[in-house]
Full PDB file with SEQRES, HELIX, SHEET, SSBOND, CRYST1, ORIGX, SCALE, CONECT and MASTER records, all heavy atoms in Angstrom:
SEQRES   1 A   37  THR TRP SER THR THR VAL ILE MET LYS ILE ASP LEU VAL          
SEQRES   2 A   37  GLY PRO LYS ARG ARG GLY THR ALA MET GLY LEU ASN GLU          
SEQRES   3 A   37  PHE ALA GLY TYR LEU ALA VAL ALA ILE THR ALA                  
HELIX    1 AA1 TRP A    2  VAL A   13  1                                  12    
HELIX    2 AA2 ARG A   18  THR A   36  1                                  19    
CRYST1    1.000    1.000    1.000  90.00  90.00  90.00 P 1           1          
ORIGX1      1.000000  0.000000  0.000000        0.00000                         
ORIGX2      0.000000  1.000000  0.000000        0.00000                         
ORIGX3      0.000000  0.000000  1.000000        0.00000                         
SCALE1      1.000000  0.000000  0.000000        0.00000                         
SCALE2      0.000000  1.000000  0.000000        0.00000                         
SCALE3      0.000000  0.000000  1.000000        0.00000                         
ATOM      1  N   THR A   1      -3.646  11.608  -1.470  1.00  0.00           N  
ATOM      2  CA  THR A   1      -2.814  10.686  -2.236  1.00  0.00           C  
ATOM      3  C   THR A   1      -2.694   9.314  -1.574  1.00  0.00           C  
ATOM      4  O   THR A   1      -2.863   8.282  -2.230  1.00  0.00           O  
ATOM      5  CB  THR A   1      -1.414  11.276  -2.448  1.00  0.00           C  
ATOM      6  OG1 THR A   1      -0.838  11.641  -1.185  1.00  0.00           O  
ATOM      7  CG2 THR A   1      -1.473  12.506  -3.336  1.00  0.00           C  
ATOM      8  N   TRP A   2      -2.404   9.289  -0.279  1.00  0.00           N  
ATOM      9  CA  TRP A   2      -2.208   7.993   0.378  1.00  0.00           C  
ATOM     10  C   TRP A   2      -3.530   7.232   0.451  1.00  0.00           C  
ATOM     11  O   TRP A   2      -3.584   6.029   0.197  1.00  0.00           O  
ATOM     12  CB  TRP A   2      -1.611   8.177   1.773  1.00  0.00           C  
ATOM     13  CG  TRP A   2      -0.861   6.969   2.279  1.00  0.00           C  
ATOM     14  CD1 TRP A   2      -1.303   5.675   2.296  1.00  0.00           C  
ATOM     15  CD2 TRP A   2       0.467   6.943   2.818  1.00  0.00           C  
ATOM     16  NE1 TRP A   2      -0.349   4.848   2.827  1.00  0.00           N  
ATOM     17  CE2 TRP A   2       0.756   5.597   3.150  1.00  0.00           C  
ATOM     18  CE3 TRP A   2       1.410   7.912   3.069  1.00  0.00           C  
ATOM     19  CZ2 TRP A   2       1.970   5.204   3.718  1.00  0.00           C  
ATOM     20  CZ3 TRP A   2       2.619   7.520   3.635  1.00  0.00           C  
ATOM     21  CH2 TRP A   2       2.899   6.190   3.951  1.00  0.00           C  
ATOM     22  N   SER A   3      -4.613   7.910   0.799  1.00  0.00           N  
ATOM     23  CA  SER A   3      -5.918   7.236   0.833  1.00  0.00           C  
ATOM     24  C   SER A   3      -6.251   6.628  -0.520  1.00  0.00           C  
ATOM     25  O   SER A   3      -6.739   5.496  -0.615  1.00  0.00           O  
ATOM     26  CB  SER A   3      -7.022   8.231   1.222  1.00  0.00           C  
ATOM     27  OG  SER A   3      -6.917   8.627   2.567  1.00  0.00           O  
ATOM     28  N   THR A   4      -5.984   7.389  -1.589  1.00  0.00           N  
ATOM     29  CA  THR A   4      -6.359   6.927  -2.911  1.00  0.00           C  
ATOM     30  C   THR A   4      -5.513   5.744  -3.363  1.00  0.00           C  
ATOM     31  O   THR A   4      -6.027   4.797  -3.972  1.00  0.00           O  
ATOM     32  CB  THR A   4      -6.235   8.073  -3.933  1.00  0.00           C  
ATOM     33  OG1 THR A   4      -6.906   9.229  -3.414  1.00  0.00           O  
ATOM     34  CG2 THR A   4      -6.876   7.699  -5.242  1.00  0.00           C  
ATOM     35  N   THR A   5      -4.208   5.746  -3.058  1.00  0.00           N  
ATOM     36  CA  THR A   5      -3.388   4.604  -3.451  1.00  0.00           C  
ATOM     37  C   THR A   5      -3.804   3.349  -2.685  1.00  0.00           C  
ATOM     38  O   THR A   5      -3.761   2.239  -3.235  1.00  0.00           O  
ATOM     39  CB  THR A   5      -1.889   4.884  -3.242  1.00  0.00           C  
ATOM     40  OG1 THR A   5      -1.634   5.223  -1.878  1.00  0.00           O  
ATOM     41  CG2 THR A   5      -1.419   6.015  -4.138  1.00  0.00           C  
ATOM     42  N   VAL A   6      -4.199   3.501  -1.421  1.00  0.00           N  
ATOM     43  CA  VAL A   6      -4.730   2.362  -0.666  1.00  0.00           C  
ATOM     44  C   VAL A   6      -5.987   1.816  -1.346  1.00  0.00           C  
ATOM     45  O   VAL A   6      -6.122   0.606  -1.594  1.00  0.00           O  
ATOM     46  CB  VAL A   6      -5.045   2.784   0.789  1.00  0.00           C  
ATOM     47  CG1 VAL A   6      -5.915   1.731   1.481  1.00  0.00           C  
ATOM     48  CG2 VAL A   6      -3.761   2.992   1.576  1.00  0.00           C  
ATOM     49  N   ILE A   7      -6.928   2.693  -1.626  1.00  0.00           N  
ATOM     50  CA  ILE A   7      -8.196   2.280  -2.223  1.00  0.00           C  
ATOM     51  C   ILE A   7      -7.969   1.623  -3.576  1.00  0.00           C  
ATOM     52  O   ILE A   7      -8.583   0.586  -3.900  1.00  0.00           O  
ATOM     53  CB  ILE A   7      -9.138   3.496  -2.354  1.00  0.00           C  
ATOM     54  CG1 ILE A   7      -9.554   4.001  -0.968  1.00  0.00           C  
ATOM     55  CG2 ILE A   7     -10.379   3.152  -3.185  1.00  0.00           C  
ATOM     56  CD1 ILE A   7     -10.141   5.398  -0.969  1.00  0.00           C  
ATOM     57  N   MET A   8      -7.077   2.186  -4.383  1.00  0.00           N  
ATOM     58  CA  MET A   8      -6.840   1.650  -5.720  1.00  0.00           C  
ATOM     59  C   MET A   8      -6.227   0.251  -5.673  1.00  0.00           C  
ATOM     60  O   MET A   8      -6.568  -0.619  -6.483  1.00  0.00           O  
ATOM     61  CB  MET A   8      -5.943   2.609  -6.519  1.00  0.00           C  
ATOM     62  CG  MET A   8      -6.603   3.950  -6.803  1.00  0.00           C  
ATOM     63  SD  MET A   8      -5.519   5.148  -7.620  1.00  0.00           S  
ATOM     64  CE  MET A   8      -5.875   4.789  -9.334  1.00  0.00           C  
ATOM     65  N   LYS A   9      -5.342   0.013  -4.729  1.00  0.00           N  
ATOM     66  CA  LYS A   9      -4.755  -1.329  -4.614  1.00  0.00           C  
ATOM     67  C   LYS A   9      -5.787  -2.342  -4.136  1.00  0.00           C  
ATOM     68  O   LYS A   9      -5.817  -3.486  -4.616  1.00  0.00           O  
ATOM     69  CB  LYS A   9      -3.554  -1.292  -3.672  1.00  0.00           C  
ATOM     70  CG  LYS A   9      -2.354  -0.550  -4.240  1.00  0.00           C  
ATOM     71  CD  LYS A   9      -1.180  -0.639  -3.292  1.00  0.00           C  
ATOM     72  CE  LYS A   9       0.005   0.152  -3.806  1.00  0.00           C  
ATOM     73  NZ  LYS A   9      -0.219   1.608  -3.774  1.00  0.00           N  
ATOM     74  N   ILE A  10      -6.633  -1.944  -3.178  1.00  0.00           N  
ATOM     75  CA  ILE A  10      -7.708  -2.840  -2.747  1.00  0.00           C  
ATOM     76  C   ILE A  10      -8.643  -3.150  -3.922  1.00  0.00           C  
ATOM     77  O   ILE A  10      -9.091  -4.284  -4.096  1.00  0.00           O  
ATOM     78  CB  ILE A  10      -8.484  -2.216  -1.572  1.00  0.00           C  
ATOM     79  CG1 ILE A  10      -7.603  -2.148  -0.312  1.00  0.00           C  
ATOM     80  CG2 ILE A  10      -9.746  -3.014  -1.270  1.00  0.00           C  
ATOM     81  CD1 ILE A  10      -8.267  -1.449   0.863  1.00  0.00           C  
ATOM     82  N   ASP A  11      -8.939  -2.135  -4.740  1.00  0.00           N  
ATOM     83  CA  ASP A  11      -9.763  -2.349  -5.932  1.00  0.00           C  
ATOM     84  C   ASP A  11      -9.172  -3.419  -6.828  1.00  0.00           C  
ATOM     85  O   ASP A  11      -9.880  -4.320  -7.307  1.00  0.00           O  
ATOM     86  CB  ASP A  11      -9.866  -1.052  -6.743  1.00  0.00           C  
ATOM     87  CG  ASP A  11     -10.698   0.026  -6.076  1.00  0.00           C  
ATOM     88  OD1 ASP A  11     -11.468  -0.289  -5.157  1.00  0.00           O  
ATOM     89  OD2 ASP A  11     -10.577   1.198  -6.500  1.00  0.00           O  
ATOM     90  N   LEU A  12      -7.867  -3.317  -7.092  1.00  0.00           N  
ATOM     91  CA  LEU A  12      -7.228  -4.154  -8.100  1.00  0.00           C  
ATOM     92  C   LEU A  12      -7.108  -5.616  -7.679  1.00  0.00           C  
ATOM     93  O   LEU A  12      -7.323  -6.514  -8.494  1.00  0.00           O  
ATOM     94  CB  LEU A  12      -5.834  -3.616  -8.438  1.00  0.00           C  
ATOM     95  CG  LEU A  12      -5.762  -2.279  -9.191  1.00  0.00           C  
ATOM     96  CD1 LEU A  12      -4.326  -1.792  -9.261  1.00  0.00           C  
ATOM     97  CD2 LEU A  12      -6.342  -2.423 -10.591  1.00  0.00           C  
ATOM     98  N   VAL A  13      -6.748  -5.871  -6.401  1.00  0.00           N  
ATOM     99  CA  VAL A  13      -6.358  -7.237  -6.039  1.00  0.00           C  
ATOM    100  C   VAL A  13      -7.527  -8.119  -5.654  1.00  0.00           C  
ATOM    101  O   VAL A  13      -7.406  -9.353  -5.685  1.00  0.00           O  
ATOM    102  CB  VAL A  13      -5.321  -7.241  -4.894  1.00  0.00           C  
ATOM    103  CG1 VAL A  13      -4.098  -6.446  -5.294  1.00  0.00           C  
ATOM    104  CG2 VAL A  13      -5.908  -6.706  -3.597  1.00  0.00           C  
ATOM    105  N   GLY A  14      -8.673  -7.554  -5.272  1.00  0.00           N  
ATOM    106  CA  GLY A  14      -9.772  -8.388  -4.815  1.00  0.00           C  
ATOM    107  C   GLY A  14      -9.531  -8.923  -3.416  1.00  0.00           C  
ATOM    108  O   GLY A  14      -8.556  -8.570  -2.746  1.00  0.00           O  
ATOM    109  N   PRO A  15     -10.390  -9.813  -2.934  1.00  0.00           N  
ATOM    110  CA  PRO A  15     -10.355 -10.218  -1.524  1.00  0.00           C  
ATOM    111  C   PRO A  15      -9.233 -11.169  -1.138  1.00  0.00           C  
ATOM    112  O   PRO A  15      -8.819 -11.193   0.019  1.00  0.00           O  
ATOM    113  CB  PRO A  15     -11.722 -10.883  -1.325  1.00  0.00           C  
ATOM    114  CG  PRO A  15     -12.120 -11.359  -2.683  1.00  0.00           C  
ATOM    115  CD  PRO A  15     -11.571 -10.342  -3.645  1.00  0.00           C  
ATOM    116  N   LYS A  16      -8.680 -11.953  -2.055  1.00  0.00           N  
ATOM    117  CA  LYS A  16      -7.776 -13.021  -1.654  1.00  0.00           C  
ATOM    118  C   LYS A  16      -6.408 -12.516  -1.218  1.00  0.00           C  
ATOM    119  O   LYS A  16      -5.763 -13.118  -0.360  1.00  0.00           O  
ATOM    120  CB  LYS A  16      -7.605 -14.023  -2.802  1.00  0.00           C  
ATOM    121  CG  LYS A  16      -8.871 -14.818  -3.111  1.00  0.00           C  
ATOM    122  CD  LYS A  16      -8.634 -15.836  -4.205  1.00  0.00           C  
ATOM    123  CE  LYS A  16      -9.897 -16.628  -4.508  1.00  0.00           C  
ATOM    124  NZ  LYS A  16      -9.700 -17.618  -5.592  1.00  0.00           N  
ATOM    125  N   ARG A  17      -5.926 -11.440  -1.791  1.00  0.00           N  
ATOM    126  CA  ARG A  17      -4.570 -10.953  -1.494  1.00  0.00           C  
ATOM    127  C   ARG A  17      -4.594  -9.563  -0.873  1.00  0.00           C  
ATOM    128  O   ARG A  17      -3.655  -8.793  -1.023  1.00  0.00           O  
ATOM    129  CB  ARG A  17      -3.746 -10.920  -2.797  1.00  0.00           C  
ATOM    130  CG  ARG A  17      -3.656 -12.248  -3.531  1.00  0.00           C  
ATOM    131  CD  ARG A  17      -2.841 -13.285  -2.771  1.00  0.00           C  
ATOM    132  NE  ARG A  17      -1.470 -12.865  -2.604  1.00  0.00           N  
ATOM    133  CZ  ARG A  17      -0.528 -13.004  -3.541  1.00  0.00           C  
ATOM    134  NH1 ARG A  17      -0.827 -13.535  -4.710  1.00  0.00           N  
ATOM    135  NH2 ARG A  17       0.714 -12.626  -3.308  1.00  0.00           N  
ATOM    136  N   ARG A  18      -5.660  -9.265  -0.148  1.00  0.00           N  
ATOM    137  CA  ARG A  18      -5.836  -7.915   0.393  1.00  0.00           C  
ATOM    138  C   ARG A  18      -4.731  -7.557   1.389  1.00  0.00           C  
ATOM    139  O   ARG A  18      -4.185  -6.458   1.376  1.00  0.00           O  
ATOM    140  CB  ARG A  18      -7.216  -7.805   1.025  1.00  0.00           C  
ATOM    141  CG  ARG A  18      -7.645  -6.408   1.376  1.00  0.00           C  
ATOM    142  CD  ARG A  18      -9.124  -6.400   1.724  1.00  0.00           C  
ATOM    143  NE  ARG A  18      -9.948  -6.499   0.523  1.00  0.00           N  
ATOM    144  CZ  ARG A  18     -11.051  -7.231   0.422  1.00  0.00           C  
ATOM    145  NH1 ARG A  18     -11.454  -7.960   1.446  1.00  0.00           N  
ATOM    146  NH2 ARG A  18     -11.725  -7.239  -0.704  1.00  0.00           N  
ATOM    147  N   GLY A  19      -4.409  -8.471   2.288  1.00  0.00           N  
ATOM    148  CA  GLY A  19      -3.359  -8.203   3.266  1.00  0.00           C  
ATOM    149  C   GLY A  19      -2.004  -8.007   2.608  1.00  0.00           C  
ATOM    150  O   GLY A  19      -1.226  -7.126   2.982  1.00  0.00           O  
ATOM    151  N   THR A  20      -1.710  -8.835   1.601  1.00  0.00           N  
ATOM    152  CA  THR A  20      -0.461  -8.695   0.864  1.00  0.00           C  
ATOM    153  C   THR A  20      -0.387  -7.331   0.188  1.00  0.00           C  
ATOM    154  O   THR A  20       0.649  -6.652   0.213  1.00  0.00           O  
ATOM    155  CB  THR A  20      -0.342  -9.802  -0.185  1.00  0.00           C  
ATOM    156  OG1 THR A  20      -0.390 -11.078   0.467  1.00  0.00           O  
ATOM    157  CG2 THR A  20       0.955  -9.685  -0.965  1.00  0.00           C  
ATOM    158  N   ALA A  21      -1.489  -6.931  -0.427  1.00  0.00           N  
ATOM    159  CA  ALA A  21      -1.521  -5.638  -1.109  1.00  0.00           C  
ATOM    160  C   ALA A  21      -1.267  -4.491  -0.145  1.00  0.00           C  
ATOM    161  O   ALA A  21      -0.506  -3.561  -0.441  1.00  0.00           O  
ATOM    162  CB  ALA A  21      -2.871  -5.453  -1.807  1.00  0.00           C  
ATOM    163  N   MET A  22      -1.898  -4.540   1.028  1.00  0.00           N  
ATOM    164  CA  MET A  22      -1.705  -3.471   1.997  1.00  0.00           C  
ATOM    165  C   MET A  22      -0.292  -3.495   2.572  1.00  0.00           C  
ATOM    166  O   MET A  22       0.291  -2.446   2.864  1.00  0.00           O  
ATOM    167  CB  MET A  22      -2.740  -3.584   3.119  1.00  0.00           C  
ATOM    168  CG  MET A  22      -4.167  -3.279   2.661  1.00  0.00           C  
ATOM    169  SD  MET A  22      -4.344  -1.623   1.939  1.00  0.00           S  
ATOM    170  CE  MET A  22      -4.068  -1.935   0.173  1.00  0.00           C  
ATOM    171  N   GLY A  23       0.273  -4.686   2.723  1.00  0.00           N  
ATOM    172  CA  GLY A  23       1.652  -4.766   3.185  1.00  0.00           C  
ATOM    173  C   GLY A  23       2.615  -4.116   2.218  1.00  0.00           C  
ATOM    174  O   GLY A  23       3.509  -3.368   2.606  1.00  0.00           O  
ATOM    175  N   LEU A  24       2.414  -4.380   0.924  1.00  0.00           N  
ATOM    176  CA  LEU A  24       3.276  -3.780  -0.091  1.00  0.00           C  
ATOM    177  C   LEU A  24       3.086  -2.268  -0.160  1.00  0.00           C  
ATOM    178  O   LEU A  24       4.050  -1.510  -0.317  1.00  0.00           O  
ATOM    179  CB  LEU A  24       2.985  -4.415  -1.453  1.00  0.00           C  
ATOM    180  CG  LEU A  24       3.473  -5.858  -1.612  1.00  0.00           C  
ATOM    181  CD1 LEU A  24       2.872  -6.484  -2.864  1.00  0.00           C  
ATOM    182  CD2 LEU A  24       4.994  -5.918  -1.670  1.00  0.00           C  
ATOM    183  N   ASN A  25       1.833  -1.820  -0.050  1.00  0.00           N  
ATOM    184  CA  ASN A  25       1.551  -0.389  -0.090  1.00  0.00           C  
ATOM    185  C   ASN A  25       2.231   0.341   1.067  1.00  0.00           C  
ATOM    186  O   ASN A  25       2.939   1.338   0.878  1.00  0.00           O  
ATOM    187  CB  ASN A  25       0.044  -0.154  -0.030  1.00  0.00           C  
ATOM    188  CG  ASN A  25      -0.333   1.306  -0.181  1.00  0.00           C  
ATOM    189  OD1 ASN A  25      -0.388   1.841  -1.276  1.00  0.00           O  
ATOM    190  ND2 ASN A  25      -0.611   1.979   0.940  1.00  0.00           N  
ATOM    191  N   GLU A  26       2.038  -0.161   2.284  1.00  0.00           N  
ATOM    192  CA  GLU A  26       2.590   0.515   3.449  1.00  0.00           C  
ATOM    193  C   GLU A  26       4.105   0.340   3.528  1.00  0.00           C  
ATOM    194  O   GLU A  26       4.816   1.220   4.023  1.00  0.00           O  
ATOM    195  CB  GLU A  26       1.911  -0.004   4.715  1.00  0.00           C  
ATOM    196  CG  GLU A  26       0.389   0.155   4.706  1.00  0.00           C  
ATOM    197  CD  GLU A  26      -0.054   1.598   4.504  1.00  0.00           C  
ATOM    198  OE1 GLU A  26       0.165   2.410   5.408  1.00  0.00           O  
ATOM    199  OE2 GLU A  26      -0.592   1.909   3.421  1.00  0.00           O  
ATOM    200  N   PHE A  27       4.613  -0.798   3.029  1.00  0.00           N  
ATOM    201  CA  PHE A  27       6.063  -0.993   2.938  1.00  0.00           C  
ATOM    202  C   PHE A  27       6.697   0.119   2.112  1.00  0.00           C  
ATOM    203  O   PHE A  27       7.674   0.746   2.526  1.00  0.00           O  
ATOM    204  CB  PHE A  27       6.366  -2.356   2.315  1.00  0.00           C  
ATOM    205  CG  PHE A  27       7.659  -2.417   1.558  1.00  0.00           C  
ATOM    206  CD1 PHE A  27       8.871  -2.489   2.223  1.00  0.00           C  
ATOM    207  CD2 PHE A  27       7.661  -2.395   0.168  1.00  0.00           C  
ATOM    208  CE1 PHE A  27      10.073  -2.535   1.513  1.00  0.00           C  
ATOM    209  CE2 PHE A  27       8.848  -2.443  -0.547  1.00  0.00           C  
ATOM    210  CZ  PHE A  27      10.059  -2.516   0.131  1.00  0.00           C  
ATOM    211  N   ALA A  28       6.133   0.360   0.947  1.00  0.00           N  
ATOM    212  CA  ALA A  28       6.705   1.374   0.060  1.00  0.00           C  
ATOM    213  C   ALA A  28       6.658   2.752   0.702  1.00  0.00           C  
ATOM    214  O   ALA A  28       7.649   3.502   0.685  1.00  0.00           O  
ATOM    215  CB  ALA A  28       5.951   1.386  -1.268  1.00  0.00           C  
ATOM    216  N   GLY A  29       5.500   3.101   1.287  1.00  0.00           N  
ATOM    217  CA  GLY A  29       5.356   4.420   1.876  1.00  0.00           C  
ATOM    218  C   GLY A  29       6.301   4.652   3.032  1.00  0.00           C  
ATOM    219  O   GLY A  29       6.985   5.691   3.097  1.00  0.00           O  
ATOM    220  N   TYR A  30       6.391   3.692   3.947  1.00  0.00           N  
ATOM    221  CA  TYR A  30       7.177   3.932   5.156  1.00  0.00           C  
ATOM    222  C   TYR A  30       8.657   3.644   4.967  1.00  0.00           C  
ATOM    223  O   TYR A  30       9.489   4.201   5.693  1.00  0.00           O  
ATOM    224  CB  TYR A  30       6.567   3.163   6.331  1.00  0.00           C  
ATOM    225  CG  TYR A  30       5.341   3.892   6.813  1.00  0.00           C  
ATOM    226  CD1 TYR A  30       4.071   3.531   6.368  1.00  0.00           C  
ATOM    227  CD2 TYR A  30       5.455   5.007   7.620  1.00  0.00           C  
ATOM    228  CE1 TYR A  30       2.949   4.243   6.758  1.00  0.00           C  
ATOM    229  CE2 TYR A  30       4.340   5.722   8.021  1.00  0.00           C  
ATOM    230  CZ  TYR A  30       3.085   5.335   7.581  1.00  0.00           C  
ATOM    231  OH  TYR A  30       1.986   6.057   7.964  1.00  0.00           O  
ATOM    232  N   LEU A  31       9.008   2.806   3.995  1.00  0.00           N  
ATOM    233  CA  LEU A  31      10.429   2.697   3.669  1.00  0.00           C  
ATOM    234  C   LEU A  31      10.922   4.017   3.087  1.00  0.00           C  
ATOM    235  O   LEU A  31      12.037   4.464   3.388  1.00  0.00           O  
ATOM    236  CB  LEU A  31      10.661   1.560   2.674  1.00  0.00           C  
ATOM    237  CG  LEU A  31      12.137   1.268   2.365  1.00  0.00           C  
ATOM    238  CD1 LEU A  31      12.867   0.800   3.621  1.00  0.00           C  
ATOM    239  CD2 LEU A  31      12.265   0.229   1.257  1.00  0.00           C  
ATOM    240  N   ALA A  32      10.085   4.661   2.285  1.00  0.00           N  
ATOM    241  CA  ALA A  32      10.443   5.978   1.747  1.00  0.00           C  
ATOM    242  C   ALA A  32      10.535   7.020   2.853  1.00  0.00           C  
ATOM    243  O   ALA A  32      11.407   7.910   2.816  1.00  0.00           O  
ATOM    244  CB  ALA A  32       9.430   6.413   0.693  1.00  0.00           C  
ATOM    245  N   VAL A  33       9.640   6.955   3.845  1.00  0.00           N  
ATOM    246  CA  VAL A  33       9.744   7.833   5.014  1.00  0.00           C  
ATOM    247  C   VAL A  33      11.112   7.657   5.678  1.00  0.00           C  
ATOM    248  O   VAL A  33      11.810   8.635   5.989  1.00  0.00           O  
ATOM    249  CB  VAL A  33       8.621   7.539   6.028  1.00  0.00           C  
ATOM    250  CG1 VAL A  33       8.868   8.294   7.341  1.00  0.00           C  
ATOM    251  CG2 VAL A  33       7.262   7.921   5.465  1.00  0.00           C  
ATOM    252  N   ALA A  34      11.510   6.387   5.869  1.00  0.00           N  
ATOM    253  CA  ALA A  34      12.763   6.103   6.561  1.00  0.00           C  
ATOM    254  C   ALA A  34      13.973   6.572   5.778  1.00  0.00           C  
ATOM    255  O   ALA A  34      14.871   7.228   6.316  1.00  0.00           O  
ATOM    256  CB  ALA A  34      12.861   4.589   6.815  1.00  0.00           C  
ATOM    257  N   ILE A  35      14.012   6.234   4.490  1.00  0.00           N  
ATOM    258  CA  ILE A  35      15.164   6.606   3.677  1.00  0.00           C  
ATOM    259  C   ILE A  35      15.294   8.121   3.595  1.00  0.00           C  
ATOM    260  O   ILE A  35      16.386   8.687   3.734  1.00  0.00           O  
ATOM    261  CB  ILE A  35      15.043   5.987   2.276  1.00  0.00           C  
ATOM    262  CG1 ILE A  35      15.189   4.461   2.362  1.00  0.00           C  
ATOM    263  CG2 ILE A  35      16.105   6.569   1.335  1.00  0.00           C  
ATOM    264  CD1 ILE A  35      14.902   3.741   1.059  1.00  0.00           C  
ATOM    265  N   THR A  36      14.163   8.804   3.402  1.00  0.00           N  
ATOM    266  CA  THR A  36      14.210  10.262   3.295  1.00  0.00           C  
ATOM    267  C   THR A  36      14.596  10.901   4.625  1.00  0.00           C  
ATOM    268  O   THR A  36      15.347  11.879   4.656  1.00  0.00           O  
ATOM    269  CB  THR A  36      12.852  10.803   2.818  1.00  0.00           C  
ATOM    270  OG1 THR A  36      12.460  10.113   1.624  1.00  0.00           O  
ATOM    271  CG2 THR A  36      12.930  12.292   2.519  1.00  0.00           C  
ATOM    272  N   ALA A  37      14.094  10.363   5.746  1.00  0.00           N  
ATOM    273  CA  ALA A  37      14.497  10.883   7.057  1.00  0.00           C  
ATOM    274  C   ALA A  37      15.997  10.723   7.274  1.00  0.00           C  
ATOM    275  O   ALA A  37      16.672  11.627   7.799  1.00  0.00           O  
ATOM    276  CB  ALA A  37      13.724  10.171   8.161  1.00  0.00           C  
TER     277      ALA A  37                                                      
MASTER        0    0    0    2    0    0    0    6  276    1    0    3          
END                                                                             
């Protein structure tokens, strides 16, 4: 699941906003880790 959501976001945004896309992806995942913990 996590690999696929990473790949899908990279697919969608193209090269110009790749870092932003990965920041948003990992933000969502690890904020959820924190809140659930």
